[in-house]
Amino acid sequence: MREFINAATTGGGGVTAGGVFSGQLIIALAGLILMACFGSWGAYLRWKDSKALREALDAGDIRTAIKIRSK
């Protein structure tokens, strides 16, 4: 058992674990940033469609409103 513990704790295992954890953190942050960007883009498109739908309904153009709504 002592040989196993010595082998497991030698050889810079802590540095390797630190590198893996920091790499995973970078990937997680990049994923979070991408999700926030896509979410913002989707919210903008939704707002733009809602604005166009409101304008079409205010103008009384039902066909355009149905086209916008069916997207």
N, C-alpha and C. Protein backbone atom coordinates (compact mmCIF):
# COMPACT_ATOMS: atom_id res chain seq x y z
N MET A 1 0.83 -1.19 0.00
CA MET A 1 0.00 0.00 0.00
C MET A 1 0.87 1.25 0.00
N ARG A 2 1.98 1.20 0.71
CA ARG A 2 2.86 2.37 0.78
C ARG A 2 3.46 2.68 -0.57
N GLU A 3 3.78 1.67 -1.35
CA GLU A 3 4.33 1.90 -2.68
C GLU A 3 3.30 2.58 -3.59
N PHE A 4 2.04 2.18 -3.45
CA PHE A 4 0.99 2.79 -4.27
C PHE A 4 0.83 4.27 -3.93
N ILE A 5 0.83 4.61 -2.65
CA ILE A 5 0.69 6.01 -2.24
C ILE A 5 1.87 6.82 -2.73
N ASN A 6 3.08 6.27 -2.61
CA ASN A 6 4.27 6.98 -3.09
C ASN A 6 4.21 7.20 -4.60
N ALA A 7 3.76 6.21 -5.34
CA ALA A 7 3.67 6.34 -6.80
C ALA A 7 2.57 7.33 -7.20
N ALA A 8 1.50 7.35 -6.44
CA ALA A 8 0.39 8.24 -6.79
C ALA A 8 0.71 9.69 -6.47
N THR A 9 1.56 9.94 -5.48
CA THR A 9 1.83 11.32 -5.07
C THR A 9 3.09 11.90 -5.70
N THR A 10 3.85 11.12 -6.42
CA THR A 10 5.06 11.65 -7.05
C THR A 10 4.81 11.91 -8.53
N GLY A 11 5.71 12.64 -9.12
CA GLY A 11 5.64 12.85 -10.56
C GLY A 11 4.83 14.05 -11.00
N GLY A 12 4.62 15.03 -10.15
CA GLY A 12 3.93 16.25 -10.54
C GLY A 12 2.45 16.08 -10.80
N GLY A 13 1.81 15.18 -10.08
CA GLY A 13 0.38 14.96 -10.26
C GLY A 13 -0.44 16.19 -9.92
N GLY A 14 0.02 16.99 -8.97
CA GLY A 14 -0.71 18.20 -8.60
C GLY A 14 -0.71 19.22 -9.72
N VAL A 15 0.41 19.33 -10.42
CA VAL A 15 0.50 20.28 -11.54
C VAL A 15 -0.43 19.84 -12.66
N THR A 16 -0.48 18.56 -12.92
CA THR A 16 -1.36 18.04 -13.97
C THR A 16 -2.82 18.30 -13.63
N ALA A 17 -3.20 18.03 -12.37
CA ALA A 17 -4.59 18.26 -11.96
C ALA A 17 -4.92 19.74 -12.07
N GLY A 18 -3.99 20.61 -11.68
CA GLY A 18 -4.22 22.05 -11.80
C GLY A 18 -4.41 22.48 -13.24
N GLY A 19 -3.63 21.91 -14.13
CA GLY A 19 -3.77 22.23 -15.55
C GLY A 19 -5.10 21.77 -16.11
N VAL A 20 -5.54 20.61 -15.68
CA VAL A 20 -6.82 20.08 -16.15
C VAL A 20 -7.96 20.94 -15.64
N PHE A 21 -7.92 21.31 -14.37
CA PHE A 21 -9.00 22.12 -13.80
C PHE A 21 -9.06 23.50 -14.43
N SER A 22 -7.91 24.11 -14.69
CA SER A 22 -7.93 25.43 -15.31
C SER A 22 -8.39 25.33 -16.77
N GLY A 23 -8.05 24.26 -17.45
CA GLY A 23 -8.53 24.05 -18.82
C GLY A 23 -10.04 23.87 -18.86
N GLN A 24 -10.56 23.12 -17.90
CA GLN A 24 -12.01 22.93 -17.84
C GLN A 24 -12.71 24.24 -17.51
N LEU A 25 -12.09 25.05 -16.67
CA LEU A 25 -12.67 26.35 -16.32
C LEU A 25 -12.72 27.27 -17.52
N ILE A 26 -11.67 27.26 -18.33
CA ILE A 26 -11.65 28.09 -19.54
C ILE A 26 -12.73 27.65 -20.51
N ILE A 27 -12.88 26.35 -20.69
CA ILE A 27 -13.93 25.82 -21.58
C ILE A 27 -15.31 26.18 -21.05
N ALA A 28 -15.51 26.07 -19.75
CA ALA A 28 -16.81 26.41 -19.16
C ALA A 28 -17.12 27.89 -19.35
N LEU A 29 -16.14 28.76 -19.15
CA LEU A 29 -16.36 30.20 -19.34
C LEU A 29 -16.64 30.53 -20.80
N ALA A 30 -15.93 29.88 -21.71
CA ALA A 30 -16.18 30.12 -23.14
C ALA A 30 -17.59 29.66 -23.51
N GLY A 31 -18.02 28.54 -22.97
CA GLY A 31 -19.38 28.06 -23.22
C GLY A 31 -20.42 29.01 -22.67
N LEU A 32 -20.16 29.54 -21.47
CA LEU A 32 -21.09 30.49 -20.86
C LEU A 32 -21.21 31.76 -21.70
N ILE A 33 -20.08 32.24 -22.20
CA ILE A 33 -20.09 33.45 -23.03
C ILE A 33 -20.85 33.19 -24.33
N LEU A 34 -20.61 32.03 -24.96
CA LEU A 34 -21.33 31.71 -26.19
C LEU A 34 -22.84 31.58 -25.95
N MET A 35 -23.23 30.94 -24.85
CA MET A 35 -24.65 30.81 -24.55
C MET A 35 -25.28 32.18 -24.32
N ALA A 36 -24.57 33.07 -23.64
CA ALA A 36 -25.10 34.41 -23.40
C ALA A 36 -25.24 35.18 -24.71
N CYS A 37 -24.28 35.02 -25.62
CA CYS A 37 -24.36 35.70 -26.92
C CYS A 37 -25.54 35.18 -27.74
N PHE A 38 -25.70 33.88 -27.81
CA PHE A 38 -26.83 33.32 -28.57
C PHE A 38 -28.16 33.67 -27.93
N GLY A 39 -28.21 33.71 -26.61
CA GLY A 39 -29.44 34.10 -25.92
C GLY A 39 -29.80 35.55 -26.20
N SER A 40 -28.80 36.41 -26.21
CA SER A 40 -29.04 37.83 -26.52
C SER A 40 -29.51 37.99 -27.96
N TRP A 41 -28.91 37.27 -28.86
CA TRP A 41 -29.31 37.34 -30.27
C TRP A 41 -30.75 36.85 -30.44
N GLY A 42 -31.10 35.78 -29.78
CA GLY A 42 -32.47 35.27 -29.85
C GLY A 42 -33.48 36.24 -29.25
N ALA A 43 -33.10 36.88 -28.15
CA ALA A 43 -33.99 37.88 -27.55
C ALA A 43 -34.19 39.07 -28.48
N TYR A 44 -33.12 39.48 -29.16
CA TYR A 44 -33.23 40.59 -30.10
C TYR A 44 -34.16 40.23 -31.26
N LEU A 45 -34.01 39.03 -31.80
CA LEU A 45 -34.87 38.61 -32.91
C LEU A 45 -36.33 38.51 -32.46
N ARG A 46 -36.55 38.02 -31.26
CA ARG A 46 -37.91 37.93 -30.73
C ARG A 46 -38.51 39.32 -30.55
N TRP A 47 -37.72 40.26 -30.05
CA TRP A 47 -38.19 41.63 -29.86
C TRP A 47 -38.52 42.27 -31.20
N LYS A 48 -37.66 42.02 -32.20
CA LYS A 48 -37.88 42.58 -33.53
C LYS A 48 -39.18 42.04 -34.14
N ASP A 49 -39.42 40.74 -33.99
CA ASP A 49 -40.66 40.15 -34.51
C ASP A 49 -41.88 40.69 -33.76
N SER A 50 -41.75 40.85 -32.44
CA SER A 50 -42.87 41.38 -31.67
C SER A 50 -43.20 42.81 -32.09
N LYS A 51 -42.16 43.59 -32.33
CA LYS A 51 -42.37 44.97 -32.77
C LYS A 51 -43.06 45.01 -34.14
N ALA A 52 -42.61 44.17 -35.06
CA ALA A 52 -43.22 44.11 -36.40
C ALA A 52 -44.66 43.62 -36.31
N LEU A 53 -44.94 42.66 -35.44
CA LEU A 53 -46.29 42.15 -35.26
C LEU A 53 -47.20 43.24 -34.71
N ARG A 54 -46.72 43.98 -33.72
CA ARG A 54 -47.50 45.07 -33.16
C ARG A 54 -47.82 46.13 -34.21
N GLU A 55 -46.82 46.48 -35.03
CA GLU A 55 -47.03 47.48 -36.07
C GLU A 55 -48.04 46.99 -37.11
N ALA A 56 -47.97 45.71 -37.47
CA ALA A 56 -48.90 45.16 -38.45
C ALA A 56 -50.32 45.15 -37.90
N LEU A 57 -50.47 44.80 -36.63
CA LEU A 57 -51.81 44.78 -36.03
C LEU A 57 -52.37 46.19 -35.88
N ASP A 58 -51.51 47.13 -35.53
CA ASP A 58 -51.96 48.53 -35.42
C ASP A 58 -52.40 49.08 -36.76
N ALA A 59 -51.73 48.65 -37.84
CA ALA A 59 -52.08 49.11 -39.18
C ALA A 59 -53.29 48.36 -39.74
N GLY A 60 -53.71 47.30 -39.08
CA GLY A 60 -54.85 46.53 -39.53
C GLY A 60 -54.51 45.50 -40.59
N ASP A 61 -53.24 45.20 -40.78
CA ASP A 61 -52.80 44.24 -41.80
C ASP A 61 -52.73 42.85 -41.18
N ILE A 62 -53.83 42.13 -41.27
CA ILE A 62 -53.93 40.82 -40.64
C ILE A 62 -53.05 39.78 -41.33
N ARG A 63 -52.94 39.85 -42.66
CA ARG A 63 -52.13 38.85 -43.38
C ARG A 63 -50.65 38.95 -42.98
N THR A 64 -50.14 40.16 -42.90
CA THR A 64 -48.75 40.33 -42.47
C THR A 64 -48.57 39.85 -41.03
N ALA A 65 -49.53 40.14 -40.18
CA ALA A 65 -49.45 39.70 -38.79
C ALA A 65 -49.42 38.18 -38.70
N ILE A 66 -50.22 37.51 -39.53
CA ILE A 66 -50.23 36.04 -39.53
C ILE A 66 -48.90 35.49 -40.04
N LYS A 67 -48.32 36.13 -41.07
CA LYS A 67 -47.01 35.69 -41.58
C LYS A 67 -45.93 35.82 -40.50
N ILE A 68 -45.94 36.95 -39.81
CA ILE A 68 -44.93 37.17 -38.76
C ILE A 68 -45.13 36.17 -37.62
N ARG A 69 -46.38 35.92 -37.27
CA ARG A 69 -46.68 35.02 -36.16
C ARG A 69 -46.34 33.57 -36.49
N SER A 70 -46.42 33.21 -37.76
CA SER A 70 -46.18 31.81 -38.14
C SER A 70 -44.69 31.49 -38.32
N LYS A 71 -43.81 32.43 -38.12
CA LYS A 71 -42.37 32.17 -38.24
C LYS A 71 -41.91 31.18 -37.21
